[in-house]
Amino acid sequence: MTIWDRMFSFLIIFILAYLLGSFPTAILLSKIMMKDDIRNHGSGNAGATNVFRIMGWKAALIVVLIDIGKGIVATLFLPTLIWQPVPFDMVTLQILTGVAAIVGHVWTVFAGFRGGKGVGTAFGVLVALIPLSTTAAGIIWLILVLVTRIVSVGSLVAGILFPIAVLLERTFFNANISASLIGMAFLVALLIVITHRSNIKRLLKGEENRFGSKKKRPQGKG
């Protein structure tokens, strides 16, 4: 069996994970419910936060659950479909398919490579791989959103603190967390910061939207 034979099955699964992550939940739901693309409204982002602002909490909940589900399925189910041995272990395979799903969500092939920020799908991937630290990050996110009423603050802080939580879990709880999982934690944190660039600019200017406040005309896509 050649290396190509081994990599071919991995490439197929990797592509499937990317396509699964690319499923444009918010865009499709907005076209069904509003007869329009959610990216034409609010912040211009195809994510649950913008859906909440424009379409309400019920629509946002649907988007969140489906996006989290994409990450879980890509991480736990798709790797089991491998039909040829691959040159790395199962955890590494799960990380790679999970990353593919996150990338697909952010840069979806089905909508001009303009998707969401990847937080929901990343949460699904991470809760499947590192449930304790991911739950801790989720609690931090929820507290910050409730206190500040700014989703991006919760996402950014929780994302940045997440790899620290993973290191603490490994150090003080003797968790079986590999170096590759730690690397992924830092990668996800970096990706969250990158996809929230416009939010960071608005936060620094004091222009970021808060829940319950009067909507402002967006200062750009984000």
C-alpha atoms as a PDB file:
ATOM      1  CA  MET A   1       0.000   0.000   0.000  1.00  0.00           C
ATOM      2  CA  THR A   2       1.503   3.319  -1.080  1.00  0.00           C
ATOM      3  CA  ILE A   3       1.424   6.588   0.846  1.00  0.00           C
ATOM      4  CA  TRP A   4      -1.021   7.888  -1.756  1.00  0.00           C
ATOM      5  CA  ASP A   5      -3.424   5.039  -1.001  1.00  0.00           C
ATOM      6  CA  ARG A   6      -3.307   5.969   2.665  1.00  0.00           C
ATOM      7  CA  MET A   7      -3.659   9.698   2.058  1.00  0.00           C
ATOM      8  CA  PHE A   8      -6.475   9.339  -0.475  1.00  0.00           C
ATOM      9  CA  SER A   9      -8.987   8.145   2.120  1.00  0.00           C
ATOM     10  CA  PHE A  10      -7.861  10.923   4.471  1.00  0.00           C
ATOM     11  CA  LEU A  11      -8.269  13.565   1.758  1.00  0.00           C
ATOM     12  CA  ILE A  12     -11.806  12.392   1.059  1.00  0.00           C
ATOM     13  CA  ILE A  13     -12.739  12.591   4.741  1.00  0.00           C
ATOM     14  CA  PHE A  14     -10.987  15.970   5.093  1.00  0.00           C
ATOM     15  CA  ILE A  15     -12.946  17.358   2.143  1.00  0.00           C
ATOM     16  CA  LEU A  16     -16.190  15.976   3.571  1.00  0.00           C
ATOM     17  CA  ALA A  17     -15.434  17.705   6.887  1.00  0.00           C
ATOM     18  CA  TYR A  18     -14.788  20.982   5.071  1.00  0.00           C
ATOM     19  CA  LEU A  19     -18.040  20.657   3.110  1.00  0.00           C
ATOM     20  CA  LEU A  20     -19.953  19.841   6.287  1.00  0.00           C
ATOM     21  CA  GLY A  21     -18.504  22.908   7.984  1.00  0.00           C
ATOM     22  CA  SER A  22     -19.339  24.935   4.884  1.00  0.00           C
ATOM     23  CA  PHE A  23     -23.070  24.259   5.261  1.00  0.00           C
ATOM     24  CA  PRO A  24     -24.281  27.904   5.432  1.00  0.00           C
ATOM     25  CA  THR A  25     -26.809  27.545   8.237  1.00  0.00           C
ATOM     26  CA  ALA A  26     -27.483  31.231   8.868  1.00  0.00           C
ATOM     27  CA  ILE A  27     -27.643  32.108   5.178  1.00  0.00           C
ATOM     28  CA  LEU A  28     -30.068  29.333   4.295  1.00  0.00           C
ATOM     29  CA  LEU A  29     -32.281  30.046   7.294  1.00  0.00           C
ATOM     30  CA  SER A  30     -32.432  33.749   6.469  1.00  0.00           C
ATOM     31  CA  LYS A  31     -33.378  33.003   2.883  1.00  0.00           C
ATOM     32  CA  ILE A  32     -36.141  30.682   4.081  1.00  0.00           C
ATOM     33  CA  MET A  33     -37.497  33.012   6.771  1.00  0.00           C
ATOM     34  CA  MET A  34     -36.675  36.458   5.336  1.00  0.00           C
ATOM     35  CA  LYS A  35     -36.356  35.725   1.634  1.00  0.00           C
ATOM     36  CA  ASP A  36     -33.019  37.514   1.857  1.00  0.00           C
ATOM     37  CA  ASP A  37     -29.370  36.886   2.741  1.00  0.00           C
ATOM     38  CA  ILE A  38     -28.539  37.630   6.395  1.00  0.00           C
ATOM     39  CA  ARG A  39     -25.270  39.136   5.169  1.00  0.00           C
ATOM     40  CA  ASN A  40     -27.275  42.034   3.724  1.00  0.00           C
ATOM     41  CA  HIS A  41     -28.347  43.029   7.227  1.00  0.00           C
ATOM     42  CA  GLY A  42     -26.841  44.080  10.539  1.00  0.00           C
ATOM     43  CA  SER A  43     -23.122  43.442  10.772  1.00  0.00           C
ATOM     44  CA  GLY A  44     -23.091  41.583   7.469  1.00  0.00           C
ATOM     45  CA  ASN A  45     -21.877  38.401   9.169  1.00  0.00           C
ATOM     46  CA  ALA A  46     -23.402  34.970   8.587  1.00  0.00           C
ATOM     47  CA  GLY A  47     -23.352  33.947  12.230  1.00  0.00           C
ATOM     48  CA  ALA A  48     -25.702  33.355  15.136  1.00  0.00           C
ATOM     49  CA  THR A  49     -25.111  36.780  16.706  1.00  0.00           C
ATOM     50  CA  ASN A  50     -26.243  38.633  13.611  1.00  0.00           C
ATOM     51  CA  VAL A  51     -29.159  36.226  13.222  1.00  0.00           C
ATOM     52  CA  PHE A  52     -30.183  37.018  16.811  1.00  0.00           C
ATOM     53  CA  ARG A  53     -30.138  40.740  16.144  1.00  0.00           C
ATOM     54  CA  ILE A  54     -32.065  40.526  12.904  1.00  0.00           C
ATOM     55  CA  MET A  55     -34.263  37.432  13.211  1.00  0.00           C
ATOM     56  CA  GLY A  56     -34.618  36.782  16.932  1.00  0.00           C
ATOM     57  CA  TRP A  57     -33.529  34.203  19.482  1.00  0.00           C
ATOM     58  CA  LYS A  58     -35.412  31.227  18.026  1.00  0.00           C
ATOM     59  CA  ALA A  59     -33.642  31.517  14.674  1.00  0.00           C
ATOM     60  CA  ALA A  60     -30.321  32.129  16.429  1.00  0.00           C
ATOM     61  CA  LEU A  61     -30.793  29.012  18.559  1.00  0.00           C
ATOM     62  CA  ILE A  62     -31.344  26.912  15.435  1.00  0.00           C
ATOM     63  CA  VAL A  63     -28.155  28.306  13.914  1.00  0.00           C
ATOM     64  CA  VAL A  64     -26.133  27.710  17.096  1.00  0.00           C
ATOM     65  CA  LEU A  65     -27.281  24.115  17.499  1.00  0.00           C
ATOM     66  CA  ILE A  66     -26.635  23.212  13.868  1.00  0.00           C
ATOM     67  CA  ASP A  67     -23.222  24.915  13.833  1.00  0.00           C
ATOM     68  CA  ILE A  68     -22.158  23.147  17.035  1.00  0.00           C
ATOM     69  CA  GLY A  69     -23.470  19.898  15.572  1.00  0.00           C
ATOM     70  CA  LYS A  70     -21.313  20.372  12.483  1.00  0.00           C
ATOM     71  CA  GLY A  71     -18.221  20.498  14.660  1.00  0.00           C
ATOM     72  CA  ILE A  72     -19.184  17.450  16.703  1.00  0.00           C
ATOM     73  CA  VAL A  73     -20.040  15.306  13.667  1.00  0.00           C
ATOM     74  CA  ALA A  74     -16.871  16.345  11.827  1.00  0.00           C
ATOM     75  CA  THR A  75     -14.764  15.415  14.857  1.00  0.00           C
ATOM     76  CA  LEU A  76     -16.377  12.269  16.213  1.00  0.00           C
ATOM     77  CA  PHE A  77     -18.135  10.675  13.247  1.00  0.00           C
ATOM     78  CA  LEU A  78     -16.300  11.449   9.998  1.00  0.00           C
ATOM     79  CA  PRO A  79     -12.917  10.048  11.158  1.00  0.00           C
ATOM     80  CA  THR A  80     -14.589   6.667  11.733  1.00  0.00           C
ATOM     81  CA  LEU A  81     -15.329   6.476   7.997  1.00  0.00           C
ATOM     82  CA  ILE A  82     -11.653   6.129   7.099  1.00  0.00           C
ATOM     83  CA  TRP A  83     -11.302   2.892   5.110  1.00  0.00           C
ATOM     84  CA  GLN A  84      -7.520   2.819   4.814  1.00  0.00           C
ATOM     85  CA  PRO A  85      -4.851   3.189   7.533  1.00  0.00           C
ATOM     86  CA  VAL A  86      -3.524   6.740   7.770  1.00  0.00           C
ATOM     87  CA  PRO A  87      -0.024   7.828   8.841  1.00  0.00           C
ATOM     88  CA  PHE A  88      -1.211   9.453  12.097  1.00  0.00           C
ATOM     89  CA  ASP A  89      -3.260   8.542  15.153  1.00  0.00           C
ATOM     90  CA  MET A  90      -7.018   8.970  15.647  1.00  0.00           C
ATOM     91  CA  VAL A  91      -6.719  12.106  17.804  1.00  0.00           C
ATOM     92  CA  THR A  92      -4.663  13.837  15.119  1.00  0.00           C
ATOM     93  CA  LEU A  93      -7.203  12.746  12.509  1.00  0.00           C
ATOM     94  CA  GLN A  94     -10.028  14.175  14.639  1.00  0.00           C
ATOM     95  CA  ILE A  95      -8.152  17.444  15.035  1.00  0.00           C
ATOM     96  CA  LEU A  96      -7.606  17.724  11.285  1.00  0.00           C
ATOM     97  CA  THR A  97     -11.243  17.018  10.406  1.00  0.00           C
ATOM     98  CA  GLY A  98     -12.357  19.414  13.124  1.00  0.00           C
ATOM     99  CA  VAL A  99     -10.131  22.177  11.771  1.00  0.00           C
ATOM    100  CA  ALA A 100     -11.464  21.463   8.275  1.00  0.00           C
ATOM    101  CA  ALA A 101     -15.012  21.984   9.539  1.00  0.00           C
ATOM    102  CA  ILE A 102     -14.093  25.264  11.243  1.00  0.00           C
ATOM    103  CA  VAL A 103     -12.344  26.514   8.109  1.00  0.00           C
ATOM    104  CA  GLY A 104     -15.366  25.498   6.067  1.00  0.00           C
ATOM    105  CA  HIS A 105     -17.669  27.469   8.341  1.00  0.00           C
ATOM    106  CA  VAL A 106     -15.530  30.606   8.143  1.00  0.00           C
ATOM    107  CA  TRP A 107     -14.781  30.331   4.428  1.00  0.00           C
ATOM    108  CA  THR A 108     -17.762  28.448   3.050  1.00  0.00           C
ATOM    109  CA  VAL A 109     -17.523  27.304  -0.544  1.00  0.00           C
ATOM    110  CA  PHE A 110     -21.308  27.531  -0.822  1.00  0.00           C
ATOM    111  CA  ALA A 111     -21.495  31.288  -0.217  1.00  0.00           C
ATOM    112  CA  GLY A 112     -18.543  32.967  -1.879  1.00  0.00           C
ATOM    113  CA  PHE A 113     -16.161  31.997   0.953  1.00  0.00           C
ATOM    114  CA  ARG A 114     -17.929  34.425   3.314  1.00  0.00           C
ATOM    115  CA  GLY A 115     -19.284  32.557   6.305  1.00  0.00           C
ATOM    116  CA  GLY A 116     -19.452  33.077  10.059  1.00  0.00           C
ATOM    117  CA  LYS A 117     -16.714  33.578  12.609  1.00  0.00           C
ATOM    118  CA  GLY A 118     -16.428  29.893  13.468  1.00  0.00           C
ATOM    119  CA  VAL A 119     -17.117  30.124  17.197  1.00  0.00           C
ATOM    120  CA  GLY A 120     -20.095  27.738  17.219  1.00  0.00           C
ATOM    121  CA  THR A 121     -18.430  25.118  15.046  1.00  0.00           C
ATOM    122  CA  ALA A 122     -15.179  25.442  16.988  1.00  0.00           C
ATOM    123  CA  PHE A 123     -17.115  24.913  20.216  1.00  0.00           C
ATOM    124  CA  GLY A 124     -18.569  21.701  18.795  1.00  0.00           C
ATOM    125  CA  VAL A 125     -15.129  20.448  17.780  1.00  0.00           C
ATOM    126  CA  LEU A 126     -13.561  21.296  21.120  1.00  0.00           C
ATOM    127  CA  VAL A 127     -16.358  19.952  23.296  1.00  0.00           C
ATOM    128  CA  ALA A 128     -15.853  16.641  21.487  1.00  0.00           C
ATOM    129  CA  LEU A 129     -12.092  16.671  22.084  1.00  0.00           C
ATOM    130  CA  ILE A 130     -11.545  18.556  25.368  1.00  0.00           C
ATOM    131  CA  PRO A 131     -14.917  18.756  27.128  1.00  0.00           C
ATOM    132  CA  LEU A 132     -13.774  20.103  30.530  1.00  0.00           C
ATOM    133  CA  SER A 133     -11.756  23.076  29.277  1.00  0.00           C
ATOM    134  CA  THR A 134     -14.338  23.785  26.586  1.00  0.00           C
ATOM    135  CA  THR A 135     -17.127  23.857  29.166  1.00  0.00           C
ATOM    136  CA  ALA A 136     -15.063  26.254  31.293  1.00  0.00           C
ATOM    137  CA  ALA A 137     -14.538  28.507  28.271  1.00  0.00           C
ATOM    138  CA  GLY A 138     -18.265  28.341  27.528  1.00  0.00           C
ATOM    139  CA  ILE A 139     -19.086  29.460  31.077  1.00  0.00           C
ATOM    140  CA  ILE A 140     -16.632  32.349  30.771  1.00  0.00           C
ATOM    141  CA  TRP A 141     -18.251  33.324  27.463  1.00  0.00           C
ATOM    142  CA  LEU A 142     -21.743  33.258  28.969  1.00  0.00           C
ATOM    143  CA  ILE A 143     -20.769  35.332  32.025  1.00  0.00           C
ATOM    144  CA  LEU A 144     -19.034  37.977  29.924  1.00  0.00           C
ATOM    145  CA  VAL A 145     -21.914  38.211  27.458  1.00  0.00           C
ATOM    146  CA  LEU A 146     -24.429  38.610  30.286  1.00  0.00           C
ATOM    147  CA  VAL A 147     -22.285  41.228  32.045  1.00  0.00           C
ATOM    148  CA  THR A 148     -21.148  43.272  29.036  1.00  0.00           C
ATOM    149  CA  ARG A 149     -24.038  42.464  26.650  1.00  0.00           C
ATOM    150  CA  ILE A 150     -21.371  42.226  23.914  1.00  0.00           C
ATOM    151  CA  VAL A 151     -20.993  38.806  22.289  1.00  0.00           C
ATOM    152  CA  SER A 152     -17.612  39.570  20.734  1.00  0.00           C
ATOM    153  CA  VAL A 153     -16.121  40.326  24.164  1.00  0.00           C
ATOM    154  CA  GLY A 154     -17.200  36.915  25.413  1.00  0.00           C
ATOM    155  CA  SER A 155     -15.933  35.180  22.285  1.00  0.00           C
ATOM    156  CA  LEU A 156     -12.554  36.913  22.293  1.00  0.00           C
ATOM    157  CA  VAL A 157     -11.806  36.518  26.002  1.00  0.00           C
ATOM    158  CA  ALA A 158     -13.040  32.924  26.167  1.00  0.00           C
ATOM    159  CA  GLY A 159     -11.107  32.081  23.008  1.00  0.00           C
ATOM    160  CA  ILE A 160      -7.873  33.588  24.312  1.00  0.00           C
ATOM    161  CA  LEU A 161      -8.225  31.946  27.738  1.00  0.00           C
ATOM    162  CA  PHE A 162      -9.120  28.552  26.264  1.00  0.00           C
ATOM    163  CA  PRO A 163      -5.562  27.295  25.568  1.00  0.00           C
ATOM    164  CA  ILE A 164      -4.581  28.432  29.069  1.00  0.00           C
ATOM    165  CA  ALA A 165      -7.442  26.350  30.474  1.00  0.00           C
ATOM    166  CA  VAL A 166      -6.212  23.368  28.450  1.00  0.00           C
ATOM    167  CA  LEU A 167      -2.700  23.735  29.868  1.00  0.00           C
ATOM    168  CA  LEU A 168      -4.069  24.017  33.403  1.00  0.00           C
ATOM    169  CA  GLU A 169      -6.251  20.935  32.888  1.00  0.00           C
ATOM    170  CA  ARG A 170      -3.259  18.953  31.691  1.00  0.00           C
ATOM    171  CA  THR A 171      -0.996  20.189  34.492  1.00  0.00           C
ATOM    172  CA  PHE A 172      -3.252  20.101  37.542  1.00  0.00           C
ATOM    173  CA  PHE A 173      -5.806  17.447  36.599  1.00  0.00           C
ATOM    174  CA  ASN A 174      -3.346  15.083  34.883  1.00  0.00           C
ATOM    175  CA  ALA A 175      -5.639  15.026  31.860  1.00  0.00           C
ATOM    176  CA  ASN A 176      -4.526  12.967  28.877  1.00  0.00           C
ATOM    177  CA  ILE A 177      -4.159  15.945  26.548  1.00  0.00           C
ATOM    178  CA  SER A 178      -1.630  15.539  23.764  1.00  0.00           C
ATOM    179  CA  ALA A 179       0.683  18.203  22.408  1.00  0.00           C
ATOM    180  CA  SER A 180      -1.365  18.216  19.204  1.00  0.00           C
ATOM    181  CA  LEU A 181      -4.516  19.095  21.171  1.00  0.00           C
ATOM    182  CA  ILE A 182      -2.672  21.923  22.910  1.00  0.00           C
ATOM    183  CA  GLY A 183      -1.516  23.144  19.523  1.00  0.00           C
ATOM    184  CA  MET A 184      -5.074  23.062  18.243  1.00  0.00           C
ATOM    185  CA  ALA A 185      -6.256  25.049  21.270  1.00  0.00           C
ATOM    186  CA  PHE A 186      -3.803  27.829  20.409  1.00  0.00           C
ATOM    187  CA  LEU A 187      -4.760  27.607  16.722  1.00  0.00           C
ATOM    188  CA  VAL A 188      -8.452  28.025  17.537  1.00  0.00           C
ATOM    189  CA  ALA A 189      -7.676  30.994  19.788  1.00  0.00           C
ATOM    190  CA  LEU A 190      -5.702  32.607  16.965  1.00  0.00           C
ATOM    191  CA  LEU A 191      -8.482  31.922  14.449  1.00  0.00           C
ATOM    192  CA  ILE A 192     -11.082  33.500  16.737  1.00  0.00           C
ATOM    193  CA  VAL A 193      -8.963  36.649  17.064  1.00  0.00           C
ATOM    194  CA  ILE A 194      -8.429  36.795  13.291  1.00  0.00           C
ATOM    195  CA  THR A 195     -12.118  36.400  12.480  1.00  0.00           C
ATOM    196  CA  HIS A 196     -13.018  39.085  15.047  1.00  0.00           C
ATOM    197  CA  ARG A 197     -10.695  41.760  13.637  1.00  0.00           C
ATOM    198  CA  SER A 198     -13.552  44.113  12.765  1.00  0.00           C
ATOM    199  CA  ASN A 199     -15.104  43.584  16.203  1.00  0.00           C
ATOM    200  CA  ILE A 200     -11.809  44.469  17.876  1.00  0.00           C
ATOM    201  CA  LYS A 201     -11.662  47.719  15.897  1.00  0.00           C
ATOM    202  CA  ARG A 202     -15.214  48.615  16.944  1.00  0.00           C
ATOM    203  CA  LEU A 203     -14.480  47.709  20.567  1.00  0.00           C
ATOM    204  CA  LEU A 204     -11.470  50.017  20.599  1.00  0.00           C
ATOM    205  CA  LYS A 205     -13.652  52.813  19.178  1.00  0.00           C
ATOM    206  CA  GLY A 206     -16.485  52.077  21.590  1.00  0.00           C
ATOM    207  CA  GLU A 207     -18.808  51.305  18.688  1.00  0.00           C
ATOM    208  CA  GLU A 208     -19.483  47.594  19.187  1.00  0.00           C
ATOM    209  CA  ASN A 209     -23.168  46.637  19.399  1.00  0.00           C
ATOM    210  CA  ARG A 210     -24.699  45.633  22.723  1.00  0.00           C
ATOM    211  CA  PHE A 211     -27.773  43.506  23.153  1.00  0.00           C
ATOM    212  CA  GLY A 212     -30.771  45.622  24.024  1.00  0.00           C
ATOM    213  CA  SER A 213     -29.269  48.833  22.651  1.00  0.00           C
ATOM    214  CA  LYS A 214     -30.518  50.753  19.656  1.00  0.00           C
ATOM    215  CA  LYS A 215     -29.080  49.339  16.456  1.00  0.00           C
ATOM    216  CA  LYS A 216     -26.483  51.392  14.628  1.00  0.00           C
ATOM    217  CA  ARG A 217     -25.552  51.342  11.024  1.00  0.00           C
ATOM    218  CA  PRO A 218     -22.638  48.890  10.706  1.00  0.00           C
ATOM    219  CA  GLN A 219     -19.181  50.341  10.193  1.00  0.00           C
ATOM    220  CA  GLY A 220     -18.147  47.465   7.936  1.00  0.00           C
ATOM    221  CA  LYS A 221     -18.429  43.702   7.781  1.00  0.00           C
ATOM    222  CA  GLY A 222     -17.821  41.706  10.916  1.00  0.00           C
END
